[in-house]
Amino acid sequence: KRGDDWKRIQLDDSLKDGHALGTGD
């Protein structure tokens, strides 16, 4: 979140058939 907008950051473009995602510390 940057002001009223959402800035997109691309982390990776090498997945093959990406199918699962999670977050945590």
PDB file of all heavy atoms in Angstrom:
ATOM      1  N   LYS A   1       0.847  -1.199   0.000  1.00  0.00           N
ATOM      2  CA  LYS A   1       0.000   0.000   0.000  1.00  0.00           C
ATOM      3  C   LYS A   1       0.882   1.249   0.000  1.00  0.00           C
ATOM      4  O   LYS A   1       1.718   1.441   0.888  1.00  0.00           O
ATOM      5  CB  LYS A   1      -0.900  -0.004   1.239  1.00  0.00           C
ATOM      6  CG  LYS A   1      -1.995   1.062   1.197  1.00  0.00           C
ATOM      7  CD  LYS A   1      -3.026   0.746   0.134  1.00  0.00           C
ATOM      8  CE  LYS A   1      -4.144   1.786   0.058  1.00  0.00           C
ATOM      9  NZ  LYS A   1      -4.945   1.842   1.293  1.00  0.00           N
ATOM     10  N   ARG A   2       0.707   2.064  -1.003  1.00  0.00           N
ATOM     11  CA  ARG A   2       1.429   3.316  -1.137  1.00  0.00           C
ATOM     12  C   ARG A   2       0.398   4.414  -1.401  1.00  0.00           C
ATOM     13  O   ARG A   2      -0.072   4.590  -2.525  1.00  0.00           O
ATOM     14  CB  ARG A   2       2.450   3.249  -2.274  1.00  0.00           C
ATOM     15  CG  ARG A   2       3.548   2.205  -2.059  1.00  0.00           C
ATOM     16  CD  ARG A   2       4.479   2.613  -0.937  1.00  0.00           C
ATOM     17  NE  ARG A   2       5.634   1.732  -0.808  1.00  0.00           N
ATOM     18  CZ  ARG A   2       5.742   0.768   0.095  1.00  0.00           C
ATOM     19  NH1 ARG A   2       4.739   0.549   0.945  1.00  0.00           N
ATOM     20  NH2 ARG A   2       6.838   0.034   0.168  1.00  0.00           N
ATOM     21  N   GLY A   3       0.000   5.134  -0.341  1.00  0.00           N
ATOM     22  CA  GLY A   3      -1.064   6.112  -0.477  1.00  0.00           C
ATOM     23  C   GLY A   3      -2.379   5.417  -0.752  1.00  0.00           C
ATOM     24  O   GLY A   3      -2.784   4.511  -0.021  1.00  0.00           O
ATOM     25  N   ASP A   4      -3.055   5.822  -1.828  1.00  0.00           N
ATOM     26  CA  ASP A   4      -4.325   5.197  -2.200  1.00  0.00           C
ATOM     27  C   ASP A   4      -4.141   4.025  -3.156  1.00  0.00           C
ATOM     28  O   ASP A   4      -5.128   3.375  -3.527  1.00  0.00           O
ATOM     29  CB  ASP A   4      -5.245   6.250  -2.857  1.00  0.00           C
ATOM     30  CG  ASP A   4      -5.679   7.342  -1.891  1.00  0.00           C
ATOM     31  OD1 ASP A   4      -5.758   7.049  -0.680  1.00  0.00           O
ATOM     32  OD2 ASP A   4      -5.920   8.474  -2.350  1.00  0.00           O
ATOM     33  N   ASP A   5      -2.913   3.767  -3.572  1.00  0.00           N
ATOM     34  CA  ASP A   5      -2.650   2.729  -4.561  1.00  0.00           C
ATOM     35  C   ASP A   5      -1.881   1.557  -3.945  1.00  0.00           C
ATOM     36  O   ASP A   5      -1.375   1.636  -2.823  1.00  0.00           O
ATOM     37  CB  ASP A   5      -1.848   3.313  -5.734  1.00  0.00           C
ATOM     38  CG  ASP A   5      -2.595   4.429  -6.434  1.00  0.00           C
ATOM     39  OD1 ASP A   5      -3.820   4.296  -6.622  1.00  0.00           O
ATOM     40  OD2 ASP A   5      -1.955   5.440  -6.783  1.00  0.00           O
ATOM     41  N   TRP A   6      -1.805   0.486  -4.724  1.00  0.00           N
ATOM     42  CA  TRP A   6      -1.042  -0.701  -4.334  1.00  0.00           C
ATOM     43  C   TRP A   6       0.093  -0.886  -5.338  1.00  0.00           C
ATOM     44  O   TRP A   6      -0.150  -1.067  -6.530  1.00  0.00           O
ATOM     45  CB  TRP A   6      -1.940  -1.929  -4.302  1.00  0.00           C
ATOM     46  CG  TRP A   6      -2.919  -1.901  -3.162  1.00  0.00           C
ATOM     47  CD1 TRP A   6      -4.123  -1.270  -3.129  1.00  0.00           C
ATOM     48  CD2 TRP A   6      -2.757  -2.526  -1.883  1.00  0.00           C
ATOM     49  NE1 TRP A   6      -4.727  -1.456  -1.905  1.00  0.00           N
ATOM     50  CE2 TRP A   6      -3.918  -2.227  -1.120  1.00  0.00           C
ATOM     51  CE3 TRP A   6      -1.754  -3.310  -1.312  1.00  0.00           C
ATOM     52  CZ2 TRP A   6      -4.086  -2.681   0.181  1.00  0.00           C
ATOM     53  CZ3 TRP A   6      -1.920  -3.768  -0.013  1.00  0.00           C
ATOM     54  CH2 TRP A   6      -3.071  -3.450   0.722  1.00  0.00           C
ATOM     55  N   LYS A   7       1.316  -0.801  -4.859  1.00  0.00           N
ATOM     56  CA  LYS A   7       2.491  -0.942  -5.716  1.00  0.00           C
ATOM     57  C   LYS A   7       2.830  -2.417  -5.888  1.00  0.00           C
ATOM     58  O   LYS A   7       2.960  -3.156  -4.917  1.00  0.00           O
ATOM     59  CB  LYS A   7       3.683  -0.200  -5.115  1.00  0.00           C
ATOM     60  CG  LYS A   7       4.932  -0.248  -5.985  1.00  0.00           C
ATOM     61  CD  LYS A   7       6.046   0.601  -5.398  1.00  0.00           C
ATOM     62  CE  LYS A   7       7.283   0.594  -6.287  1.00  0.00           C
ATOM     63  NZ  LYS A   7       8.354   1.453  -5.758  1.00  0.00           N
ATOM     64  N   ARG A   8       3.008  -2.827  -7.129  1.00  0.00           N
ATOM     65  CA  ARG A   8       3.307  -4.222  -7.439  1.00  0.00           C
ATOM     66  C   ARG A   8       4.812  -4.446  -7.489  1.00  0.00           C
ATOM     67  O   ARG A   8       5.530  -3.758  -8.211  1.00  0.00           O
ATOM     68  CB  ARG A   8       2.689  -4.620  -8.769  1.00  0.00           C
ATOM     69  CG  ARG A   8       2.890  -6.086  -9.169  1.00  0.00           C
ATOM     70  CD  ARG A   8       2.189  -6.345 -10.505  1.00  0.00           C
ATOM     71  NE  ARG A   8       2.237  -7.747 -10.897  1.00  0.00           N
ATOM     72  CZ  ARG A   8       3.208  -8.291 -11.620  1.00  0.00           C
ATOM     73  NH1 ARG A   8       4.230  -7.527 -12.037  1.00  0.00           N
ATOM     74  NH2 ARG A   8       3.170  -9.577 -11.948  1.00  0.00           N
ATOM     75  N   ILE A   9       5.284  -5.426  -6.714  1.00  0.00           N
ATOM     76  CA  ILE A   9       6.686  -5.843  -6.726  1.00  0.00           C
ATOM     77  C   ILE A   9       6.726  -7.295  -7.202  1.00  0.00           C
ATOM     78  O   ILE A   9       6.110  -8.171  -6.588  1.00  0.00           O
ATOM     79  CB  ILE A   9       7.328  -5.746  -5.329  1.00  0.00           C
ATOM     80  CG1 ILE A   9       7.119  -4.355  -4.723  1.00  0.00           C
ATOM     81  CG2 ILE A   9       8.804  -6.100  -5.394  1.00  0.00           C
ATOM     82  CD1 ILE A   9       7.784  -3.243  -5.462  1.00  0.00           C
ATOM     83  N   GLN A  10       7.429  -7.563  -8.286  1.00  0.00           N
ATOM     84  CA  GLN A  10       7.549  -8.937  -8.773  1.00  0.00           C
ATOM     85  C   GLN A  10       8.741  -9.607  -8.107  1.00  0.00           C
ATOM     86  O   GLN A  10       9.867  -9.142  -8.214  1.00  0.00           O
ATOM     87  CB  GLN A  10       7.702  -8.963 -10.291  1.00  0.00           C
ATOM     88  CG  GLN A  10       7.778 -10.369 -10.866  1.00  0.00           C
ATOM     89  CD  GLN A  10       7.652 -10.391 -12.373  1.00  0.00           C
ATOM     90  OE1 GLN A  10       6.678  -9.885 -12.933  1.00  0.00           O
ATOM     91  NE2 GLN A  10       8.629 -10.983 -13.045  1.00  0.00           N
ATOM     92  N   LEU A  11       8.477 -10.720  -7.426  1.00  0.00           N
ATOM     93  CA  LEU A  11       9.526 -11.424  -6.694  1.00  0.00           C
ATOM     94  C   LEU A  11      10.170 -12.528  -7.512  1.00  0.00           C
ATOM     95  O   LEU A  11      11.344 -12.847  -7.314  1.00  0.00           O
ATOM     96  CB  LEU A  11       8.957 -12.036  -5.405  1.00  0.00           C
ATOM     97  CG  LEU A  11       8.108 -11.146  -4.493  1.00  0.00           C
ATOM     98  CD1 LEU A  11       7.811 -11.877  -3.190  1.00  0.00           C
ATOM     99  CD2 LEU A  11       8.779  -9.821  -4.237  1.00  0.00           C
ATOM    100  N   ASP A  12       9.411 -13.128  -8.425  1.00  0.00           N
ATOM    101  CA  ASP A  12       9.902 -14.309  -9.136  1.00  0.00           C
ATOM    102  C   ASP A  12       9.042 -14.504 -10.373  1.00  0.00           C
ATOM    103  O   ASP A  12       7.854 -14.169 -10.376  1.00  0.00           O
ATOM    104  CB  ASP A  12       9.795 -15.534  -8.216  1.00  0.00           C
ATOM    105  CG  ASP A  12      10.605 -16.734  -8.700  1.00  0.00           C
ATOM    106  OD1 ASP A  12      11.189 -16.667  -9.792  1.00  0.00           O
ATOM    107  OD2 ASP A  12      10.641 -17.751  -7.968  1.00  0.00           O
ATOM    108  N   ASP A  13       9.635 -15.056 -11.440  1.00  0.00           N
ATOM    109  CA  ASP A  13       8.852 -15.393 -12.633  1.00  0.00           C
ATOM    110  C   ASP A  13       9.234 -16.770 -13.170  1.00  0.00           C
ATOM    111  O   ASP A  13       9.046 -17.058 -14.347  1.00  0.00           O
ATOM    112  CB  ASP A  13       9.023 -14.340 -13.725  1.00  0.00           C
ATOM    113  CG  ASP A  13      10.455 -14.240 -14.252  1.00  0.00           C
ATOM    114  OD1 ASP A  13      11.346 -14.945 -13.721  1.00  0.00           O
ATOM    115  OD2 ASP A  13      10.683 -13.461 -15.196  1.00  0.00           O
ATOM    116  N   SER A  14       9.728 -17.631 -12.272  1.00  0.00           N
ATOM    117  CA  SER A  14      10.268 -18.917 -12.717  1.00  0.00           C
ATOM    118  C   SER A  14       9.461 -20.130 -12.273  1.00  0.00           C
ATOM    119  O   SER A  14       9.863 -21.264 -12.529  1.00  0.00           O
ATOM    120  CB  SER A  14      11.708 -19.066 -12.221  1.00  0.00           C
ATOM    121  OG  SER A  14      11.748 -19.170 -10.808  1.00  0.00           O
ATOM    122  N   LEU A  15       8.330 -19.911 -11.603  1.00  0.00           N
ATOM    123  CA  LEU A  15       7.528 -21.053 -11.166  1.00  0.00           C
ATOM    124  C   LEU A  15       6.955 -21.787 -12.373  1.00  0.00           C
ATOM    125  O   LEU A  15       6.669 -21.176 -13.410  1.00  0.00           O
ATOM    126  CB  LEU A  15       6.379 -20.600 -10.264  1.00  0.00           C
ATOM    127  CG  LEU A  15       6.663 -20.424  -8.767  1.00  0.00           C
ATOM    128  CD1 LEU A  15       7.728 -19.382  -8.512  1.00  0.00           C
ATOM    129  CD2 LEU A  15       5.381 -20.073  -8.022  1.00  0.00           C
ATOM    130  N   LYS A  16       6.781 -23.071 -12.227  1.00  0.00           N
ATOM    131  CA  LYS A  16       6.112 -23.864 -13.250  1.00  0.00           C
ATOM    132  C   LYS A  16       4.835 -24.428 -12.637  1.00  0.00           C
ATOM    133  O   LYS A  16       4.870 -25.323 -11.810  1.00  0.00           O
ATOM    134  CB  LYS A  16       7.014 -25.005 -13.745  1.00  0.00           C
ATOM    135  CG  LYS A  16       8.225 -24.541 -14.545  1.00  0.00           C
ATOM    136  CD  LYS A  16       9.022 -25.730 -15.060  1.00  0.00           C
ATOM    137  CE  LYS A  16      10.242 -25.279 -15.858  1.00  0.00           C
ATOM    138  NZ  LYS A  16       9.859 -24.556 -17.084  1.00  0.00           N
ATOM    139  N   ASP A  17       3.704 -23.835 -13.035  1.00  0.00           N
ATOM    140  CA  ASP A  17       2.419 -24.315 -12.527  1.00  0.00           C
ATOM    141  C   ASP A  17       2.273 -23.982 -11.035  1.00  0.00           C
ATOM    142  O   ASP A  17       1.981 -24.842 -10.207  1.00  0.00           O
ATOM    143  CB  ASP A  17       2.297 -25.820 -12.759  1.00  0.00           C
ATOM    144  CG  ASP A  17       0.873 -26.330 -12.730  1.00  0.00           C
ATOM    145  OD1 ASP A  17      -0.060 -25.516 -12.663  1.00  0.00           O
ATOM    146  OD2 ASP A  17       0.700 -27.563 -12.766  1.00  0.00           O
ATOM    147  N   GLY A  18       2.471 -22.700 -10.694  1.00  0.00           N
ATOM    148  CA  GLY A  18       2.364 -22.267  -9.305  1.00  0.00           C
ATOM    149  C   GLY A  18       0.989 -22.525  -8.740  1.00  0.00           C
ATOM    150  O   GLY A  18      -0.027 -22.165  -9.343  1.00  0.00           O
ATOM    151  N   HIS A  19       0.933 -23.152  -7.545  1.00  0.00           N
ATOM    152  CA  HIS A  19      -0.354 -23.654  -7.070  1.00  0.00           C
ATOM    153  C   HIS A  19      -0.587 -23.464  -5.581  1.00  0.00           C
ATOM    154  O   HIS A  19      -1.664 -23.823  -5.082  1.00  0.00           O
ATOM    155  CB  HIS A  19      -0.471 -25.149  -7.420  1.00  0.00           C
ATOM    156  CG  HIS A  19      -1.862 -25.602  -7.695  1.00  0.00           C
ATOM    157  ND1 HIS A  19      -2.660 -26.203  -6.743  1.00  0.00           N
ATOM    158  CD2 HIS A  19      -2.613 -25.529  -8.817  1.00  0.00           C
ATOM    159  CE1 HIS A  19      -3.838 -26.500  -7.274  1.00  0.00           C
ATOM    160  NE2 HIS A  19      -3.839 -26.101  -8.536  1.00  0.00           N
ATOM    161  N   ALA A  20       0.373 -22.904  -4.834  1.00  0.00           N
ATOM    162  CA  ALA A  20       0.191 -22.783  -3.383  1.00  0.00           C
ATOM    163  C   ALA A  20       1.008 -21.617  -2.856  1.00  0.00           C
ATOM    164  O   ALA A  20       2.119 -21.350  -3.327  1.00  0.00           O
ATOM    165  CB  ALA A  20       0.596 -24.078  -2.685  1.00  0.00           C
ATOM    166  N   LEU A  21       0.461 -20.967  -1.827  1.00  0.00           N
ATOM    167  CA  LEU A  21       1.052 -19.737  -1.324  1.00  0.00           C
ATOM    168  C   LEU A  21       0.763 -19.629   0.168  1.00  0.00           C
ATOM    169  O   LEU A  21      -0.308 -20.023   0.643  1.00  0.00           O
ATOM    170  CB  LEU A  21       0.434 -18.554  -2.072  1.00  0.00           C
ATOM    171  CG  LEU A  21       1.085 -17.189  -2.024  1.00  0.00           C
ATOM    172  CD1 LEU A  21       2.496 -17.231  -2.595  1.00  0.00           C
ATOM    173  CD2 LEU A  21       0.229 -16.190  -2.821  1.00  0.00           C
ATOM    174  N   GLY A  22       1.723 -19.095   0.926  1.00  0.00           N
ATOM    175  CA  GLY A  22       1.519 -18.879   2.350  1.00  0.00           C
ATOM    176  C   GLY A  22       2.409 -17.767   2.855  1.00  0.00           C
ATOM    177  O   GLY A  22       3.370 -17.358   2.183  1.00  0.00           O
ATOM    178  N   THR A  23       2.097 -17.263   4.035  1.00  0.00           N
ATOM    179  CA  THR A  23       2.917 -16.245   4.675  1.00  0.00           C
ATOM    180  C   THR A  23       3.094 -16.592   6.146  1.00  0.00           C
ATOM    181  O   THR A  23       2.282 -17.283   6.742  1.00  0.00           O
ATOM    182  CB  THR A  23       2.277 -14.839   4.571  1.00  0.00           C
ATOM    183  OG1 THR A  23       1.001 -14.859   5.220  1.00  0.00           O
ATOM    184  CG2 THR A  23       2.113 -14.406   3.132  1.00  0.00           C
ATOM    185  N   GLY A  24       4.173 -16.088   6.734  1.00  0.00           N
ATOM    186  CA  GLY A  24       4.436 -16.288   8.151  1.00  0.00           C
ATOM    187  C   GLY A  24       5.797 -15.729   8.496  1.00  0.00           C
ATOM    188  O   GLY A  24       6.647 -15.519   7.616  1.00  0.00           O
ATOM    189  N   ASP A  25       6.011 -15.496   9.780  1.00  0.00           N
ATOM    190  CA  ASP A  25       7.319 -15.019  10.231  1.00  0.00           C
ATOM    191  C   ASP A  25       8.185 -16.230  10.557  1.00  0.00           C
ATOM    192  O   ASP A  25       8.381 -16.587  11.715  1.00  0.00           O
ATOM    193  CB  ASP A  25       7.158 -14.105  11.441  1.00  0.00           C
ATOM    194  CG  ASP A  25       8.465 -13.425  11.829  1.00  0.00           C
ATOM    195  OD1 ASP A  25       9.482 -13.636  11.128  1.00  0.00           O
ATOM    196  OD2 ASP A  25       8.476 -12.692  12.842  1.00  0.00           O
TER     197      ASP A  25
END
